[in-house]
């Protein structure tokens, strides 16, 4: 999958029933990381829109947003202070 193809997929929001269920993805864990990434992309079809069981997942990134680790830490800290 090329970078241009990935950019196009960011804007596609398929219905839940057309999304690949991420729990069905299988990877050869003995393969190099690049091969596993290729296996994943081939199976998931759209890494920005997939399912986890019956839950539809849409992935979006903000160019000037917080790093993921910082966002998760802030979220967990807010939960703990409730």
PDB file of N, CA and C in Angstrom:
ATOM      1  N   UNK A   1       0.854  -1.171   0.000  1.00  0.00           N
ATOM      2  CA  UNK A   1       0.000   0.000   0.000  1.00  0.00           C
ATOM      3  C   UNK A   1       0.899   1.233   0.000  1.00  0.00           C
ATOM      4  N   UNK A   2       0.620   2.148  -0.901  1.00  0.00           N
ATOM      5  CA  UNK A   2       1.438   3.353  -1.014  1.00  0.00           C
ATOM      6  C   UNK A   2       0.957   4.437  -0.051  1.00  0.00           C
ATOM      7  N   UNK A   3       1.804   5.446   0.133  1.00  0.00           N
ATOM      8  CA  UNK A   3       1.427   6.576   0.994  1.00  0.00           C
ATOM      9  C   UNK A   3       0.210   7.298   0.423  1.00  0.00           C
ATOM     10  N   UNK A   4       0.131   7.411  -0.889  1.00  0.00           N
ATOM     11  CA  UNK A   4      -1.020   8.066  -1.515  1.00  0.00           C
ATOM     12  C   UNK A   4      -2.301   7.276  -1.254  1.00  0.00           C
ATOM     13  N   UNK A   5      -2.215   5.961  -1.323  1.00  0.00           N
ATOM     14  CA  UNK A   5      -3.387   5.121  -1.045  1.00  0.00           C
ATOM     15  C   UNK A   5      -3.825   5.286   0.412  1.00  0.00           C
ATOM     16  N   UNK A   6      -2.866   5.354   1.320  1.00  0.00           N
ATOM     17  CA  UNK A   6      -3.201   5.561   2.736  1.00  0.00           C
ATOM     18  C   UNK A   6      -3.892   6.898   2.943  1.00  0.00           C
ATOM     19  N   UNK A   7      -3.397   7.951   2.295  1.00  0.00           N
ATOM     20  CA  UNK A   7      -4.029   9.274   2.421  1.00  0.00           C
ATOM     21  C   UNK A   7      -5.468   9.241   1.928  1.00  0.00           C
ATOM     22  N   UNK A   8      -5.717   8.523   0.848  1.00  0.00           N
ATOM     23  CA  UNK A   8      -7.085   8.411   0.325  1.00  0.00           C
ATOM     24  C   UNK A   8      -7.999   7.697   1.315  1.00  0.00           C
ATOM     25  N   UNK A   9      -7.478   6.678   1.986  1.00  0.00           N
ATOM     26  CA  UNK A   9      -8.282   5.901   2.922  1.00  0.00           C
ATOM     27  C   UNK A   9      -8.716   6.724   4.135  1.00  0.00           C
ATOM     28  N   UNK A  10      -7.967   7.766   4.491  1.00  0.00           N
ATOM     29  CA  UNK A  10      -8.313   8.597   5.646  1.00  0.00           C
ATOM     30  C   UNK A  10      -9.698   9.205   5.512  1.00  0.00           C
ATOM     31  N   UNK A  11     -10.141   9.435   4.297  1.00  0.00           N
ATOM     32  CA  UNK A  11     -11.411  10.125   4.071  1.00  0.00           C
ATOM     33  C   UNK A  11     -12.576   9.186   3.800  1.00  0.00           C
ATOM     34  N   UNK A  12     -12.326   7.900   3.803  1.00  0.00           N
ATOM     35  CA  UNK A  12     -13.385   6.929   3.539  1.00  0.00           C
ATOM     36  C   UNK A  12     -13.942   6.430   4.869  1.00  0.00           C
ATOM     37  N   UNK A  13     -15.243   6.528   5.029  1.00  0.00           N
ATOM     38  CA  UNK A  13     -15.901   6.061   6.248  1.00  0.00           C
ATOM     39  C   UNK A  13     -16.961   5.035   5.832  1.00  0.00           C
ATOM     40  N   UNK A  14     -16.548   3.759   5.731  1.00  0.00           N
ATOM     41  CA  UNK A  14     -17.495   2.729   5.293  1.00  0.00           C
ATOM     42  C   UNK A  14     -18.482   2.360   6.394  1.00  0.00           C
ATOM     43  N   UNK A  15     -19.618   1.775   6.019  1.00  0.00           N
ATOM     44  CA  UNK A  15     -20.561   1.278   7.029  1.00  0.00           C
ATOM     45  C   UNK A  15     -19.888   0.195   7.876  1.00  0.00           C
ATOM     46  N   UNK A  16     -20.357   0.045   9.105  1.00  0.00           N
ATOM     47  CA  UNK A  16     -19.763  -0.913  10.048  1.00  0.00           C
ATOM     48  C   UNK A  16     -19.629  -2.305   9.453  1.00  0.00           C
ATOM     49  N   UNK A  17     -20.669  -2.770   8.760  1.00  0.00           N
ATOM     50  CA  UNK A  17     -20.650  -4.140   8.261  1.00  0.00           C
ATOM     51  C   UNK A  17     -19.652  -4.361   7.127  1.00  0.00           C
ATOM     52  N   UNK A  18     -19.125  -3.300   6.541  1.00  0.00           N
ATOM     53  CA  UNK A  18     -18.123  -3.429   5.473  1.00  0.00           C
ATOM     54  C   UNK A  18     -16.695  -3.350   6.004  1.00  0.00           C
ATOM     55  N   UNK A  19     -16.549  -3.100   7.282  1.00  0.00           N
ATOM     56  CA  UNK A  19     -15.218  -2.963   7.881  1.00  0.00           C
ATOM     57  C   UNK A  19     -14.667  -4.322   8.295  1.00  0.00           C
ATOM     58  N   UNK A  20     -13.353  -4.450   8.254  1.00  0.00           N
ATOM     59  CA  UNK A  20     -12.692  -5.670   8.699  1.00  0.00           C
ATOM     60  C   UNK A  20     -12.674  -5.691  10.223  1.00  0.00           C
ATOM     61  N   UNK A  21     -12.987  -6.843  10.792  1.00  0.00           N
ATOM     62  CA  UNK A  21     -12.933  -7.019  12.241  1.00  0.00           C
ATOM     63  C   UNK A  21     -11.475  -7.255  12.631  1.00  0.00           C
ATOM     64  N   UNK A  22     -10.918  -6.341  13.400  1.00  0.00           N
ATOM     65  CA  UNK A  22      -9.492  -6.406  13.745  1.00  0.00           C
ATOM     66  C   UNK A  22      -9.141  -7.681  14.525  1.00  0.00           C
ATOM     67  N   UNK A  23     -10.130  -8.280  15.172  1.00  0.00           N
ATOM     68  CA  UNK A  23      -9.855  -9.505  15.937  1.00  0.00           C
ATOM     69  C   UNK A  23      -9.574 -10.697  15.028  1.00  0.00           C
ATOM     70  N   UNK A  24      -9.841 -10.559  13.722  1.00  0.00           N
ATOM     71  CA  UNK A  24      -9.578 -11.664  12.795  1.00  0.00           C
ATOM     72  C   UNK A  24      -8.208 -11.552  12.130  1.00  0.00           C
ATOM     73  N   UNK A  25      -7.482 -10.479  12.398  1.00  0.00           N
ATOM     74  CA  UNK A  25      -6.172 -10.274  11.785  1.00  0.00           C
ATOM     75  C   UNK A  25      -5.169 -11.240  12.410  1.00  0.00           C
ATOM     76  N   UNK A  26      -4.404 -11.914  11.567  1.00  0.00           N
ATOM     77  CA  UNK A  26      -3.341 -12.797  12.051  1.00  0.00           C
ATOM     78  C   UNK A  26      -2.027 -12.380  11.400  1.00  0.00           C
ATOM     79  N   UNK A  27      -0.983 -12.353  12.207  1.00  0.00           N
ATOM     80  CA  UNK A  27       0.337 -11.954  11.723  1.00  0.00           C
ATOM     81  C   UNK A  27       1.352 -13.029  12.080  1.00  0.00           C
ATOM     82  N   UNK A  28       2.360 -13.158  11.232  1.00  0.00           N
ATOM     83  CA  UNK A  28       3.477 -14.061  11.502  1.00  0.00           C
ATOM     84  C   UNK A  28       4.449 -13.312  12.406  1.00  0.00           C
ATOM     85  N   UNK A  29       4.386 -13.594  13.697  1.00  0.00           N
ATOM     86  CA  UNK A  29       5.187 -12.848  14.660  1.00  0.00           C
ATOM     87  C   UNK A  29       6.684 -13.140  14.540  1.00  0.00           C
ATOM     88  N   UNK A  30       7.068 -14.147  13.759  1.00  0.00           N
ATOM     89  CA  UNK A  30       8.481 -14.425  13.514  1.00  0.00           C
ATOM     90  C   UNK A  30       9.015 -13.631  12.324  1.00  0.00           C
ATOM     91  N   UNK A  31       8.126 -13.018  11.565  1.00  0.00           N
ATOM     92  CA  UNK A  31       8.521 -12.229  10.390  1.00  0.00           C
ATOM     93  C   UNK A  31       9.067 -10.872  10.834  1.00  0.00           C
ATOM     94  N   UNK A  32       9.894 -10.250  10.003  1.00  0.00           N
ATOM     95  CA  UNK A  32      10.388  -8.899  10.313  1.00  0.00           C
ATOM     96  C   UNK A  32       9.230  -7.899  10.400  1.00  0.00           C
ATOM     97  N   UNK A  33       9.456  -6.798  11.098  1.00  0.00           N
ATOM     98  CA  UNK A  33       8.414  -5.795  11.320  1.00  0.00           C
ATOM     99  C   UNK A  33       7.814  -5.288  10.005  1.00  0.00           C
ATOM    100  N   UNK A  34       8.633  -5.074   8.983  1.00  0.00           N
ATOM    101  CA  UNK A  34       8.116  -4.573   7.701  1.00  0.00           C
ATOM    102  C   UNK A  34       7.155  -5.576   7.069  1.00  0.00           C
ATOM    103  N   UNK A  35       7.453  -6.846   7.200  1.00  0.00           N
ATOM    104  CA  UNK A  35       6.574  -7.886   6.647  1.00  0.00           C
ATOM    105  C   UNK A  35       5.271  -7.942   7.437  1.00  0.00           C
ATOM    106  N   UNK A  36       5.363  -7.828   8.771  1.00  0.00           N
ATOM    107  CA  UNK A  36       4.152  -7.826   9.599  1.00  0.00           C
ATOM    108  C   UNK A  36       3.277  -6.620   9.272  1.00  0.00           C
ATOM    109  N   UNK A  37       3.887  -5.460   9.049  1.00  0.00           N
ATOM    110  CA  UNK A  37       3.127  -4.259   8.678  1.00  0.00           C
ATOM    111  C   UNK A  37       2.409  -4.494   7.355  1.00  0.00           C
ATOM    112  N   UNK A  38       3.090  -5.109   6.403  1.00  0.00           N
ATOM    113  CA  UNK A  38       2.475  -5.418   5.114  1.00  0.00           C
ATOM    114  C   UNK A  38       1.314  -6.396   5.289  1.00  0.00           C
ATOM    115  N   UNK A  39       1.498  -7.412   6.118  1.00  0.00           N
ATOM    116  CA  UNK A  39       0.427  -8.379   6.390  1.00  0.00           C
ATOM    117  C   UNK A  39      -0.780  -7.672   7.008  1.00  0.00           C
ATOM    118  N   UNK A  40      -0.515  -6.797   7.964  1.00  0.00           N
ATOM    119  CA  UNK A  40      -1.587  -6.077   8.643  1.00  0.00           C
ATOM    120  C   UNK A  40      -2.369  -5.208   7.663  1.00  0.00           C
ATOM    121  N   UNK A  41      -1.661  -4.398   6.881  1.00  0.00           N
ATOM    122  CA  UNK A  41      -2.332  -3.498   5.941  1.00  0.00           C
ATOM    123  C   UNK A  41      -3.125  -4.263   4.891  1.00  0.00           C
ATOM    124  N   UNK A  42      -2.583  -5.389   4.432  1.00  0.00           N
ATOM    125  CA  UNK A  42      -3.294  -6.185   3.437  1.00  0.00           C
ATOM    126  C   UNK A  42      -4.591  -6.735   4.019  1.00  0.00           C
ATOM    127  N   UNK A  43      -4.566  -7.163   5.286  1.00  0.00           N
ATOM    128  CA  UNK A  43      -5.744  -7.767   5.903  1.00  0.00           C
ATOM    129  C   UNK A  43      -6.759  -6.728   6.389  1.00  0.00           C
ATOM    130  N   UNK A  44      -6.295  -5.615   6.954  1.00  0.00           N
ATOM    131  CA  UNK A  44      -7.206  -4.628   7.538  1.00  0.00           C
ATOM    132  C   UNK A  44      -7.894  -3.793   6.455  1.00  0.00           C
ATOM    133  N   UNK A  45      -7.267  -3.691   5.297  1.00  0.00           N
ATOM    134  CA  UNK A  45      -7.788  -2.946   4.140  1.00  0.00           C
ATOM    135  C   UNK A  45      -7.839  -1.440   4.367  1.00  0.00           C
ATOM    136  N   UNK A  46      -8.369  -0.964   5.483  1.00  0.00           N
ATOM    137  CA  UNK A  46      -8.389   0.458   5.788  1.00  0.00           C
ATOM    138  C   UNK A  46      -8.012   0.626   7.262  1.00  0.00           C
ATOM    139  N   UNK A  47      -6.759   1.022   7.540  1.00  0.00           N
ATOM    140  CA  UNK A  47      -6.325   1.158   8.936  1.00  0.00           C
ATOM    141  C   UNK A  47      -6.973   2.323   9.674  1.00  0.00           C
ATOM    142  N   UNK A  48      -7.737   3.143   8.972  1.00  0.00           N
ATOM    143  CA  UNK A  48      -8.427   4.275   9.589  1.00  0.00           C
ATOM    144  C   UNK A  48      -9.883   3.973   9.920  1.00  0.00           C
ATOM    145  N   UNK A  49     -10.414   2.855   9.408  1.00  0.00           N
ATOM    146  CA  UNK A  49     -11.819   2.499   9.640  1.00  0.00           C
ATOM    147  C   UNK A  49     -11.931   0.979   9.668  1.00  0.00           C
ATOM    148  N   UNK A  50     -12.114   0.437  10.867  1.00  0.00           N
ATOM    149  CA  UNK A  50     -12.214  -1.004  11.038  1.00  0.00           C
ATOM    150  C   UNK A  50     -13.186  -1.292  12.167  1.00  0.00           C
ATOM    151  N   UNK A  51     -13.395  -2.554  12.476  1.00  0.00           N
ATOM    152  CA  UNK A  51     -14.250  -2.946  13.596  1.00  0.00           C
ATOM    153  C   UNK A  51     -13.418  -3.670  14.639  1.00  0.00           C
ATOM    154  N   UNK A  52     -13.865  -3.582  15.870  1.00  0.00           N
ATOM    155  CA  UNK A  52     -13.358  -4.404  16.962  1.00  0.00           C
ATOM    156  C   UNK A  52     -14.604  -5.079  17.524  1.00  0.00           C
ATOM    157  N   UNK A  53     -14.858  -6.320  17.062  1.00  0.00           N
ATOM    158  CA  UNK A  53     -16.126  -6.966  17.370  1.00  0.00           C
ATOM    159  C   UNK A  53     -17.223  -6.246  16.620  1.00  0.00           C
ATOM    160  N   UNK A  54     -18.218  -5.748  17.338  1.00  0.00           N
ATOM    161  CA  UNK A  54     -19.316  -5.010  16.708  1.00  0.00           C
ATOM    162  C   UNK A  54     -19.145  -3.498  16.774  1.00  0.00           C
ATOM    163  N   UNK A  55     -18.015  -3.046  17.321  1.00  0.00           N
ATOM    164  CA  UNK A  55     -17.782  -1.610  17.486  1.00  0.00           C
ATOM    165  C   UNK A  55     -17.012  -1.062  16.291  1.00  0.00           C
ATOM    166  N   UNK A  56     -17.579  -0.067  15.623  1.00  0.00           N
ATOM    167  CA  UNK A  56     -16.900   0.603  14.511  1.00  0.00           C
ATOM    168  C   UNK A  56     -15.863   1.563  15.088  1.00  0.00           C
ATOM    169  N   UNK A  57     -14.660   1.530  14.534  1.00  0.00           N
ATOM    170  CA  UNK A  57     -13.565   2.381  15.003  1.00  0.00           C
ATOM    171  C   UNK A  57     -13.114   3.268  13.851  1.00  0.00           C
ATOM    172  N   UNK A  58     -13.019   4.575  14.126  1.00  0.00           N
ATOM    173  CA  UNK A  58     -12.466   5.540  13.166  1.00  0.00           C
ATOM    174  C   UNK A  58     -11.231   6.147  13.809  1.00  0.00           C
ATOM    175  N   UNK A  59     -10.119   6.128  13.099  1.00  0.00           N
ATOM    176  CA  UNK A  59      -8.860   6.651  13.614  1.00  0.00           C
ATOM    177  C   UNK A  59      -8.567   7.972  12.915  1.00  0.00           C
ATOM    178  N   UNK A  60      -8.283   9.004  13.695  1.00  0.00           N
ATOM    179  CA  UNK A  60      -7.936  10.324  13.166  1.00  0.00           C
ATOM    180  C   UNK A  60      -6.735  10.853  13.941  1.00  0.00           C
ATOM    181  N   UNK A  61      -5.902  11.616  13.249  1.00  0.00           N
ATOM    182  CA  UNK A  61      -4.731  12.216  13.870  1.00  0.00           C
ATOM    183  C   UNK A  61      -4.757  13.714  13.621  1.00  0.00           C
ATOM    184  N   UNK A  62      -4.314  14.468  14.602  1.00  0.00           N
ATOM    185  CA  UNK A  62      -4.240  15.917  14.500  1.00  0.00           C
ATOM    186  C   UNK A  62      -2.762  16.296  14.365  1.00  0.00           C
ATOM    187  N   UNK A  63      -2.446  17.076  13.358  1.00  0.00           N
ATOM    188  CA  UNK A  63      -1.036  17.431  13.110  1.00  0.00           C
ATOM    189  C   UNK A  63      -0.379  18.093  14.325  1.00  0.00           C
ATOM    190  N   UNK A  64      -1.108  18.942  15.025  1.00  0.00           N
ATOM    191  CA  UNK A  64      -0.503  19.663  16.143  1.00  0.00           C
ATOM    192  C   UNK A  64      -1.062  19.193  17.487  1.00  0.00           C
ATOM    193  N   UNK A  65      -1.545  17.966  17.527  1.00  0.00           N
ATOM    194  CA  UNK A  65      -2.098  17.410  18.757  1.00  0.00           C
ATOM    195  C   UNK A  65      -1.023  16.873  19.686  1.00  0.00           C
ATOM    196  N   UNK A  66      -1.447  16.466  20.868  1.00  0.00           N
ATOM    197  CA  UNK A  66      -0.531  15.866  21.835  1.00  0.00           C
ATOM    198  C   UNK A  66      -0.060  14.506  21.334  1.00  0.00           C
ATOM    199  N   UNK A  67       1.138  14.094  21.729  1.00  0.00           N
ATOM    200  CA  UNK A  67       1.552  12.718  21.447  1.00  0.00           C
ATOM    201  C   UNK A  67       0.586  11.749  22.151  1.00  0.00           C
ATOM    202  N   UNK A  68       0.386  10.589  21.574  1.00  0.00           N
ATOM    203  CA  UNK A  68      -0.575   9.627  22.110  1.00  0.00           C
ATOM    204  C   UNK A  68      -0.299   9.299  23.577  1.00  0.00           C
ATOM    205  N   UNK A  69       0.944   9.049  23.928  1.00  0.00           N
ATOM    206  CA  UNK A  69       1.277   8.693  25.312  1.00  0.00           C
ATOM    207  C   UNK A  69       0.853   9.799  26.279  1.00  0.00           C
ATOM    208  N   UNK A  70       1.056  11.047  25.893  1.00  0.00           N
ATOM    209  CA  UNK A  70       0.665  12.170  26.740  1.00  0.00           C
ATOM    210  C   UNK A  70      -0.852  12.268  26.841  1.00  0.00           C
ATOM    211  N   UNK A  71      -1.557  12.061  25.759  1.00  0.00           N
ATOM    212  CA  UNK A  71      -3.021  12.121  25.773  1.00  0.00           C
ATOM    213  C   UNK A  71      -3.598  11.026  26.672  1.00  0.00           C
ATOM    214  N   UNK A  72      -3.053   9.823  26.568  1.00  0.00           N
ATOM    215  CA  UNK A  72      -3.533   8.711  27.406  1.00  0.00           C
ATOM    216  C   UNK A  72      -3.234   8.999  28.868  1.00  0.00           C
ATOM    217  N   UNK A  73      -2.051   9.510  29.153  1.00  0.00           N
ATOM    218  CA  UNK A  73      -1.699   9.841  30.537  1.00  0.00           C
ATOM    219  C   UNK A  73      -2.645  10.899  31.102  1.00  0.00           C
ATOM    220  N   UNK A  74      -2.945  11.926  30.326  1.00  0.00           N
ATOM    221  CA  UNK A  74      -3.876  12.966  30.779  1.00  0.00           C
ATOM    222  C   UNK A  74      -5.261  12.382  31.040  1.00  0.00           C
ATOM    223  N   UNK A  75      -5.702  11.510  30.154  1.00  0.00           N
ATOM    224  CA  UNK A  75      -7.014  10.862  30.313  1.00  0.00           C
ATOM    225  C   UNK A  75      -7.057  10.025  31.592  1.00  0.00           C
ATOM    226  N   UNK A  76      -6.034   9.208  31.818  1.00  0.00           N
ATOM    227  CA  UNK A  76      -6.019   8.363  33.011  1.00  0.00           C
ATOM    228  C   UNK A  76      -5.903   9.180  34.295  1.00  0.00           C
ATOM    229  N   UNK A  77      -5.151  10.242  34.241  1.00  0.00           N
ATOM    230  CA  UNK A  77      -5.022  11.128  35.404  1.00  0.00           C
ATOM    231  C   UNK A  77      -6.377  11.756  35.725  1.00  0.00           C
ATOM    232  N   UNK A  78      -7.108  12.183  34.715  1.00  0.00           N
ATOM    233  CA  UNK A  78      -8.426  12.780  34.931  1.00  0.00           C
ATOM    234  C   UNK A  78      -9.390  11.755  35.507  1.00  0.00           C
ATOM    235  N   UNK A  79      -9.320  10.507  35.046  1.00  0.00           N
ATOM    236  CA  UNK A  79     -10.181   9.449  35.592  1.00  0.00           C
ATOM    237  C   UNK A  79      -9.874   9.187  37.058  1.00  0.00           C
ATOM    238  N   UNK A  80      -8.592   9.177  37.414  1.00  0.00           N
ATOM    239  CA  UNK A  80      -8.168   8.881  38.781  1.00  0.00           C
ATOM    240  C   UNK A  80      -8.592   9.972  39.757  1.00  0.00           C
ATOM    241  N   UNK A  81      -8.712  11.207  39.270  1.00  0.00           N
ATOM    242  CA  UNK A  81      -9.047  12.319  40.163  1.00  0.00           C
ATOM    243  C   UNK A  81     -10.547  12.483  40.357  1.00  0.00           C
ATOM    244  N   UNK A  82     -11.346  11.652  39.772  1.00  0.00           N
ATOM    245  CA  UNK A  82     -12.802  11.748  39.941  1.00  0.00           C
ATOM    246  C   UNK A  82     -13.229  11.236  41.275  1.00  0.00           C
TER     247      UNK A  82
END
